Amino acid sequence: MPNALEKALPKDIRNNMRTLIAAALGLFLGLRYNDYVKKVIATIVPSTDNLLIEGLILIGITFGIVYLSIFIQRQLDGK
């Protein structure tokens, strides 16, 4: 038996709402991780104001995230 939300909203709108809520929660979590990663990097690399070191760290993190994204996608695709 459909509930009130199922009666009031079409399926595509409910799916969009679900996606938007998940994206908002992901953004919130990403911002929290941003603060955490900044603190970790500040602990590992003292404040030297060296843009080269910061750039290398960001490049390393970027490659790690890309690799992780590809790995997750392959796992989801069953390859």
PDB file of N, CA and C in Angstrom:
ATOM      1  N   MET A   1       0.850  -1.182   0.000  1.00  0.00           N
ATOM      2  CA  MET A   1       0.000   0.000   0.000  1.00  0.00           C
ATOM      3  C   MET A   1       0.895   1.245   0.000  1.00  0.00           C
ATOM      4  N   PRO A   2       0.691   2.167  -0.955  1.00  0.00           N
ATOM      5  CA  PRO A   2       1.534   3.359  -1.045  1.00  0.00           C
ATOM      6  C   PRO A   2       1.298   4.307   0.128  1.00  0.00           C
ATOM      7  N   ASN A   3       2.411   4.926   0.575  1.00  0.00           N
ATOM      8  CA  ASN A   3       2.275   5.912   1.648  1.00  0.00           C
ATOM      9  C   ASN A   3       1.932   7.277   1.045  1.00  0.00           C
ATOM     10  N   ALA A   4       1.805   8.291   1.897  1.00  0.00           N
ATOM     11  CA  ALA A   4       1.359   9.610   1.448  1.00  0.00           C
ATOM     12  C   ALA A   4       2.356  10.245   0.483  1.00  0.00           C
ATOM     13  N   LEU A   5       3.658  10.042   0.722  1.00  0.00           N
ATOM     14  CA  LEU A   5       4.673  10.622  -0.156  1.00  0.00           C
ATOM     15  C   LEU A   5       4.622   9.982  -1.541  1.00  0.00           C
ATOM     16  N   GLU A   6       4.402   8.683  -1.596  1.00  0.00           N
ATOM     17  CA  GLU A   6       4.299   7.999  -2.876  1.00  0.00           C
ATOM     18  C   GLU A   6       3.071   8.455  -3.658  1.00  0.00           C
ATOM     19  N   LYS A   7       2.012   8.768  -2.948  1.00  0.00           N
ATOM     20  CA  LYS A   7       0.796   9.248  -3.610  1.00  0.00           C
ATOM     21  C   LYS A   7       0.974  10.681  -4.113  1.00  0.00           C
ATOM     22  N   ALA A   8       1.695  11.512  -3.358  1.00  0.00           N
ATOM     23  CA  ALA A   8       1.798  12.934  -3.674  1.00  0.00           C
ATOM     24  C   ALA A   8       2.829  13.236  -4.761  1.00  0.00           C
ATOM     25  N   LEU A   9       3.912  12.462  -4.824  1.00  0.00           N
ATOM     26  CA  LEU A   9       4.988  12.786  -5.753  1.00  0.00           C
ATOM     27  C   LEU A   9       5.245  11.652  -6.732  1.00  0.00           C
ATOM     28  N   PRO A  10       5.487  12.009  -7.984  1.00  0.00           N
ATOM     29  CA  PRO A  10       5.833  10.973  -8.958  1.00  0.00           C
ATOM     30  C   PRO A  10       7.184  10.327  -8.627  1.00  0.00           C
ATOM     31  N   LYS A  11       7.402   9.162  -9.187  1.00  0.00           N
ATOM     32  CA  LYS A  11       8.601   8.382  -8.883  1.00  0.00           C
ATOM     33  C   LYS A  11       9.882   9.134  -9.246  1.00  0.00           C
ATOM     34  N   ASP A  12       9.913   9.826 -10.395  1.00  0.00           N
ATOM     35  CA  ASP A  12      11.134  10.524 -10.798  1.00  0.00           C
ATOM     36  C   ASP A  12      11.483  11.664  -9.844  1.00  0.00           C
ATOM     37  N   ILE A  13      10.482  12.333  -9.306  1.00  0.00           N
ATOM     38  CA  ILE A  13      10.745  13.407  -8.341  1.00  0.00           C
ATOM     39  C   ILE A  13      11.278  12.823  -7.036  1.00  0.00           C
ATOM     40  N   ARG A  14      10.720  11.712  -6.589  1.00  0.00           N
ATOM     41  CA  ARG A  14      11.226  11.059  -5.371  1.00  0.00           C
ATOM     42  C   ARG A  14      12.670  10.613  -5.562  1.00  0.00           C
ATOM     43  N   ASN A  15      12.980  10.077  -6.753  1.00  0.00           N
ATOM     44  CA  ASN A  15      14.352   9.667  -7.025  1.00  0.00           C
ATOM     45  C   ASN A  15      15.304  10.858  -7.037  1.00  0.00           C
ATOM     46  N   ASN A  16      14.863  11.972  -7.632  1.00  0.00           N
ATOM     47  CA  ASN A  16      15.689  13.182  -7.631  1.00  0.00           C
ATOM     48  C   ASN A  16      15.906  13.702  -6.214  1.00  0.00           C
ATOM     49  N   MET A  17      14.871  13.667  -5.396  1.00  0.00           N
ATOM     50  CA  MET A  17      15.009  14.112  -4.009  1.00  0.00           C
ATOM     51  C   MET A  17      16.016  13.240  -3.267  1.00  0.00           C
ATOM     52  N   ARG A  18      15.944  11.945  -3.482  1.00  0.00           N
ATOM     53  CA  ARG A  18      16.867  11.011  -2.843  1.00  0.00           C
ATOM     54  C   ARG A  18      18.312  11.330  -3.266  1.00  0.00           C
ATOM     55  N   THR A  19      18.507  11.594  -4.549  1.00  0.00           N
ATOM     56  CA  THR A  19      19.829  11.911  -5.069  1.00  0.00           C
ATOM     57  C   THR A  19      20.344  13.226  -4.486  1.00  0.00           C
ATOM     58  N   LEU A  20      19.486  14.233  -4.431  1.00  0.00           N
ATOM     59  CA  LEU A  20      19.900  15.535  -3.902  1.00  0.00           C
ATOM     60  C   LEU A  20      20.232  15.461  -2.414  1.00  0.00           C
ATOM     61  N   ILE A  21      19.469  14.704  -1.666  1.00  0.00           N
ATOM     62  CA  ILE A  21      19.757  14.548  -0.234  1.00  0.00           C
ATOM     63  C   ILE A  21      21.086  13.839  -0.038  1.00  0.00           C
ATOM     64  N   ALA A  22      21.330  12.786  -0.832  1.00  0.00           N
ATOM     65  CA  ALA A  22      22.601  12.072  -0.733  1.00  0.00           C
ATOM     66  C   ALA A  22      23.764  12.992  -1.113  1.00  0.00           C
ATOM     67  N   ALA A  23      23.581  13.822  -2.139  1.00  0.00           N
ATOM     68  CA  ALA A  23      24.636  14.747  -2.557  1.00  0.00           C
ATOM     69  C   ALA A  23      24.908  15.787  -1.470  1.00  0.00           C
ATOM     70  N   ALA A  24      23.856  16.298  -0.839  1.00  0.00           N
ATOM     71  CA  ALA A  24      24.035  17.284   0.230  1.00  0.00           C
ATOM     72  C   ALA A  24      24.781  16.675   1.416  1.00  0.00           C
ATOM     73  N   LEU A  25      24.430  15.457   1.774  1.00  0.00           N
ATOM     74  CA  LEU A  25      25.135  14.788   2.872  1.00  0.00           C
ATOM     75  C   LEU A  25      26.583  14.499   2.488  1.00  0.00           C
ATOM     76  N   GLY A  26      26.812  14.136   1.227  1.00  0.00           N
ATOM     77  CA  GLY A  26      28.176  13.915   0.751  1.00  0.00           C
ATOM     78  C   GLY A  26      28.997  15.193   0.783  1.00  0.00           C
ATOM     79  N   LEU A  27      28.393  16.314   0.413  1.00  0.00           N
ATOM     80  CA  LEU A  27      29.080  17.602   0.474  1.00  0.00           C
ATOM     81  C   LEU A  27      29.451  17.945   1.906  1.00  0.00           C
ATOM     82  N   PHE A  28      28.523  17.766   2.819  1.00  0.00           N
ATOM     83  CA  PHE A  28      28.793  18.024   4.236  1.00  0.00           C
ATOM     84  C   PHE A  28      29.957  17.164   4.725  1.00  0.00           C
ATOM     85  N   LEU A  29      29.904  15.885   4.401  1.00  0.00           N
ATOM     86  CA  LEU A  29      30.964  14.977   4.822  1.00  0.00           C
ATOM     87  C   LEU A  29      32.296  15.364   4.185  1.00  0.00           C
ATOM     88  N   GLY A  30      32.260  15.747   2.907  1.00  0.00           N
ATOM     89  CA  GLY A  30      33.477  16.178   2.227  1.00  0.00           C
ATOM     90  C   GLY A  30      34.101  17.401   2.885  1.00  0.00           C
ATOM     91  N   LEU A  31      33.286  18.331   3.306  1.00  0.00           N
ATOM     92  CA  LEU A  31      33.808  19.519   3.986  1.00  0.00           C
ATOM     93  C   LEU A  31      34.437  19.164   5.330  1.00  0.00           C
ATOM     94  N   ARG A  32      33.842  18.218   6.035  1.00  0.00           N
ATOM     95  CA  ARG A  32      34.416  17.775   7.311  1.00  0.00           C
ATOM     96  C   ARG A  32      35.754  17.081   7.079  1.00  0.00           C
ATOM     97  N   TYR A  33      35.816  16.229   6.033  1.00  0.00           N
ATOM     98  CA  TYR A  33      37.075  15.577   5.705  1.00  0.00           C
ATOM     99  C   TYR A  33      38.128  16.595   5.284  1.00  0.00           C
ATOM    100  N   ASN A  34      37.711  17.658   4.622  1.00  0.00           N
ATOM    101  CA  ASN A  34      38.639  18.706   4.222  1.00  0.00           C
ATOM    102  C   ASN A  34      39.348  19.289   5.442  1.00  0.00           C
ATOM    103  N   ASP A  35      38.587  19.594   6.476  1.00  0.00           N
ATOM    104  CA  ASP A  35      39.180  20.125   7.708  1.00  0.00           C
ATOM    105  C   ASP A  35      40.138  19.115   8.327  1.00  0.00           C
ATOM    106  N   TYR A  36      39.735  17.857   8.338  1.00  0.00           N
ATOM    107  CA  TYR A  36      40.562  16.805   8.930  1.00  0.00           C
ATOM    108  C   TYR A  36      41.874  16.635   8.158  1.00  0.00           C
ATOM    109  N   VAL A  37      41.779  16.593   6.833  1.00  0.00           N
ATOM    110  CA  VAL A  37      42.977  16.408   6.015  1.00  0.00           C
ATOM    111  C   VAL A  37      43.916  17.598   6.173  1.00  0.00           C
ATOM    112  N   LYS A  38      43.372  18.796   6.260  1.00  0.00           N
ATOM    113  CA  LYS A  38      44.215  19.982   6.485  1.00  0.00           C
ATOM    114  C   LYS A  38      44.999  19.843   7.788  1.00  0.00           C
ATOM    115  N   LYS A  39      44.338  19.375   8.841  1.00  0.00           N
ATOM    116  CA  LYS A  39      45.016  19.211  10.132  1.00  0.00           C
ATOM    117  C   LYS A  39      46.081  18.127  10.056  1.00  0.00           C
ATOM    118  N   VAL A  40      45.780  17.032   9.367  1.00  0.00           N
ATOM    119  CA  VAL A  40      46.756  15.942   9.234  1.00  0.00           C
ATOM    120  C   VAL A  40      47.980  16.420   8.466  1.00  0.00           C
ATOM    121  N   ILE A  41      47.760  17.126   7.347  1.00  0.00           N
ATOM    122  CA  ILE A  41      48.882  17.625   6.553  1.00  0.00           C
ATOM    123  C   ILE A  41      49.685  18.641   7.343  1.00  0.00           C
ATOM    124  N   ALA A  42      49.013  19.493   8.099  1.00  0.00           N
ATOM    125  CA  ALA A  42      49.722  20.481   8.914  1.00  0.00           C
ATOM    126  C   ALA A  42      50.559  19.799   9.989  1.00  0.00           C
ATOM    127  N   THR A  43      50.106  18.645  10.472  1.00  0.00           N
ATOM    128  CA  THR A  43      50.873  17.902  11.474  1.00  0.00           C
ATOM    129  C   THR A  43      52.085  17.232  10.838  1.00  0.00           C
ATOM    130  N   ILE A  44      51.896  16.645   9.649  1.00  0.00           N
ATOM    131  CA  ILE A  44      52.981  15.935   8.980  1.00  0.00           C
ATOM    132  C   ILE A  44      54.004  16.910   8.407  1.00  0.00           C
ATOM    133  N   VAL A  45      53.521  17.931   7.727  1.00  0.00           N
ATOM    134  CA  VAL A  45      54.407  18.923   7.095  1.00  0.00           C
ATOM    135  C   VAL A  45      54.241  20.241   7.841  1.00  0.00           C
ATOM    136  N   PRO A  46      55.252  20.614   8.617  1.00  0.00           N
ATOM    137  CA  PRO A  46      55.145  21.887   9.336  1.00  0.00           C
ATOM    138  C   PRO A  46      54.931  23.053   8.371  1.00  0.00           C
ATOM    139  N   SER A  47      54.385  24.097   8.869  1.00  0.00           N
ATOM    140  CA  SER A  47      54.073  25.255   8.033  1.00  0.00           C
ATOM    141  C   SER A  47      55.357  25.863   7.481  1.00  0.00           C
ATOM    142  N   THR A  48      55.645  25.529   6.239  1.00  0.00           N
ATOM    143  CA  THR A  48      56.834  26.070   5.581  1.00  0.00           C
ATOM    144  C   THR A  48      56.462  27.074   4.517  1.00  0.00           C
ATOM    145  N   ASP A  49      55.197  27.196   4.235  1.00  0.00           N
ATOM    146  CA  ASP A  49      54.709  28.073   3.168  1.00  0.00           C
ATOM    147  C   ASP A  49      55.373  27.746   1.846  1.00  0.00           C
ATOM    148  N   ASN A  50      55.679  26.462   1.647  1.00  0.00           N
ATOM    149  CA  ASN A  50      56.322  26.010   0.433  1.00  0.00           C
ATOM    150  C   ASN A  50      55.252  25.489  -0.511  1.00  0.00           C
ATOM    151  N   LEU A  51      55.026  26.212  -1.589  1.00  0.00           N
ATOM    152  CA  LEU A  51      53.987  25.827  -2.541  1.00  0.00           C
ATOM    153  C   LEU A  51      54.331  24.535  -3.267  1.00  0.00           C
ATOM    154  N   LEU A  52      55.613  24.253  -3.460  1.00  0.00           N
ATOM    155  CA  LEU A  52      56.014  23.024  -4.141  1.00  0.00           C
ATOM    156  C   LEU A  52      55.587  21.801  -3.331  1.00  0.00           C
ATOM    157  N   ILE A  53      55.832  21.826  -2.024  1.00  0.00           N
ATOM    158  CA  ILE A  53      55.452  20.697  -1.172  1.00  0.00           C
ATOM    159  C   ILE A  53      53.930  20.538  -1.162  1.00  0.00           C
ATOM    160  N   GLU A  54      53.218  21.641  -1.030  1.00  0.00           N
ATOM    161  CA  GLU A  54      51.756  21.562  -1.042  1.00  0.00           C
ATOM    162  C   GLU A  54      51.245  21.029  -2.372  1.00  0.00           C
ATOM    163  N   GLY A  55      51.852  21.463  -3.469  1.00  0.00           N
ATOM    164  CA  GLY A  55      51.456  20.985  -4.788  1.00  0.00           C
ATOM    165  C   GLY A  55      51.691  19.495  -4.949  1.00  0.00           C
ATOM    166  N   LEU A  56      52.850  19.009  -4.470  1.00  0.00           N
ATOM    167  CA  LEU A  56      53.147  17.586  -4.562  1.00  0.00           C
ATOM    168  C   LEU A  56      52.178  16.754  -3.722  1.00  0.00           C
ATOM    169  N   ILE A  57      51.828  17.256  -2.560  1.00  0.00           N
ATOM    170  CA  ILE A  57      50.862  16.559  -1.715  1.00  0.00           C
ATOM    171  C   ILE A  57      49.510  16.493  -2.411  1.00  0.00           C
ATOM    172  N   LEU A  58      49.070  17.607  -2.995  1.00  0.00           N
ATOM    173  CA  LEU A  58      47.776  17.624  -3.687  1.00  0.00           C
ATOM    174  C   LEU A  58      47.776  16.711  -4.904  1.00  0.00           C
ATOM    175  N   ILE A  59      48.876  16.667  -5.636  1.00  0.00           N
ATOM    176  CA  ILE A  59      48.963  15.770  -6.788  1.00  0.00           C
ATOM    177  C   ILE A  59      48.879  14.318  -6.316  1.00  0.00           C
ATOM    178  N   GLY A  60      49.585  13.989  -5.235  1.00  0.00           N
ATOM    179  CA  GLY A  60      49.526  12.634  -4.695  1.00  0.00           C
ATOM    180  C   GLY A  60      48.122  12.255  -4.247  1.00  0.00           C
ATOM    181  N   ILE A  61      47.456  13.162  -3.565  1.00  0.00           N
ATOM    182  CA  ILE A  61      46.087  12.900  -3.114  1.00  0.00           C
ATOM    183  C   ILE A  61      45.158  12.738  -4.320  1.00  0.00           C
ATOM    184  N   THR A  62      45.344  13.562  -5.340  1.00  0.00           N
ATOM    185  CA  THR A  62      44.515  13.474  -6.545  1.00  0.00           C
ATOM    186  C   THR A  62      44.673  12.118  -7.221  1.00  0.00           C
ATOM    187  N   PHE A  63      45.926  11.666  -7.390  1.00  0.00           N
ATOM    188  CA  PHE A  63      46.147  10.356  -7.999  1.00  0.00           C
ATOM    189  C   PHE A  63      45.531   9.248  -7.148  1.00  0.00           C
ATOM    190  N   GLY A  64      45.631   9.364  -5.844  1.00  0.00           N
ATOM    191  CA  GLY A  64      45.026   8.369  -4.966  1.00  0.00           C
ATOM    192  C   GLY A  64      43.519   8.321  -5.120  1.00  0.00           C
ATOM    193  N   ILE A  65      42.884   9.468  -5.203  1.00  0.00           N
ATOM    194  CA  ILE A  65      41.430   9.523  -5.346  1.00  0.00           C
ATOM    195  C   ILE A  65      41.001   8.982  -6.708  1.00  0.00           C
ATOM    196  N   VAL A  66      41.747   9.316  -7.760  1.00  0.00           N
ATOM    197  CA  VAL A  66      41.416   8.806  -9.092  1.00  0.00           C
ATOM    198  C   VAL A  66      41.539   7.283  -9.104  1.00  0.00           C
ATOM    199  N   TYR A  67      42.632   6.762  -8.546  1.00  0.00           N
ATOM    200  CA  TYR A  67      42.822   5.312  -8.493  1.00  0.00           C
ATOM    201  C   TYR A  67      41.683   4.651  -7.708  1.00  0.00           C
ATOM    202  N   LEU A  68      41.340   5.229  -6.561  1.00  0.00           N
ATOM    203  CA  LEU A  68      40.266   4.676  -5.748  1.00  0.00           C
ATOM    204  C   LEU A  68      38.932   4.712  -6.492  1.00  0.00           C
ATOM    205  N   SER A  69      38.663   5.792  -7.216  1.00  0.00           N
ATOM    206  CA  SER A  69      37.416   5.899  -7.983  1.00  0.00           C
ATOM    207  C   SER A  69      37.349   4.838  -9.074  1.00  0.00           C
ATOM    208  N   ILE A  70      38.470   4.629  -9.777  1.00  0.00           N
ATOM    209  CA  ILE A  70      38.504   3.604 -10.824  1.00  0.00           C
ATOM    210  C   ILE A  70      38.321   2.222 -10.208  1.00  0.00           C
ATOM    211  N   PHE A  71      38.981   1.971  -9.085  1.00  0.00           N
ATOM    212  CA  PHE A  71      38.866   0.683  -8.409  1.00  0.00           C
ATOM    213  C   PHE A  71      37.425   0.408  -7.991  1.00  0.00           C
ATOM    214  N   ILE A  72      36.771   1.399  -7.396  1.00  0.00           N
ATOM    215  CA  ILE A  72      35.390   1.237  -6.942  1.00  0.00           C
ATOM    216  C   ILE A  72      34.473   0.994  -8.135  1.00  0.00           C
ATOM    217  N   GLN A  73      34.668   1.751  -9.219  1.00  0.00           N
ATOM    218  CA  GLN A  73      33.822   1.589 -10.393  1.00  0.00           C
ATOM    219  C   GLN A  73      33.983   0.193 -10.987  1.00  0.00           C
ATOM    220  N   ARG A  74      35.212  -0.308 -11.038  1.00  0.00           N
ATOM    221  CA  ARG A  74      35.435  -1.657 -11.571  1.00  0.00           C
ATOM    222  C   ARG A  74      34.792  -2.711 -10.676  1.00  0.00           C
ATOM    223  N   GLN A  75      34.843  -2.498  -9.365  1.00  0.00           N
ATOM    224  CA  GLN A  75      34.203  -3.444  -8.452  1.00  0.00           C
ATOM    225  C   GLN A  75      32.685  -3.441  -8.644  1.00  0.00           C
ATOM    226  N   LEU A  76      32.118  -2.263  -8.837  1.00  0.00           N
ATOM    227  CA  LEU A  76      30.678  -2.159  -9.037  1.00  0.00           C
ATOM    228  C   LEU A  76      30.241  -2.756 -10.380  1.00  0.00           C
ATOM    229  N   ASP A  77      31.119  -2.631 -11.386  1.00  0.00           N
ATOM    230  CA  ASP A  77      30.809  -3.188 -12.700  1.00  0.00           C
ATOM    231  C   ASP A  77      31.068  -4.686 -12.764  1.00  0.00           C
ATOM    232  N   GLY A  78      31.758  -5.226 -11.771  1.00  0.00           N
ATOM    233  CA  GLY A  78      32.032  -6.648 -11.735  1.00  0.00           C
ATOM    234  C   GLY A  78      33.184  -7.073 -12.619  1.00  0.00           C
ATOM    235  N   LYS A  79      34.102  -6.164 -12.902  1.00  0.00           N
ATOM    236  CA  LYS A  79      35.251  -6.483 -13.754  1.00  0.00           C
ATOM    237  C   LYS A  79      36.449  -6.835 -12.922  1.00  0.00           C
TER     238      LYS A  79
END
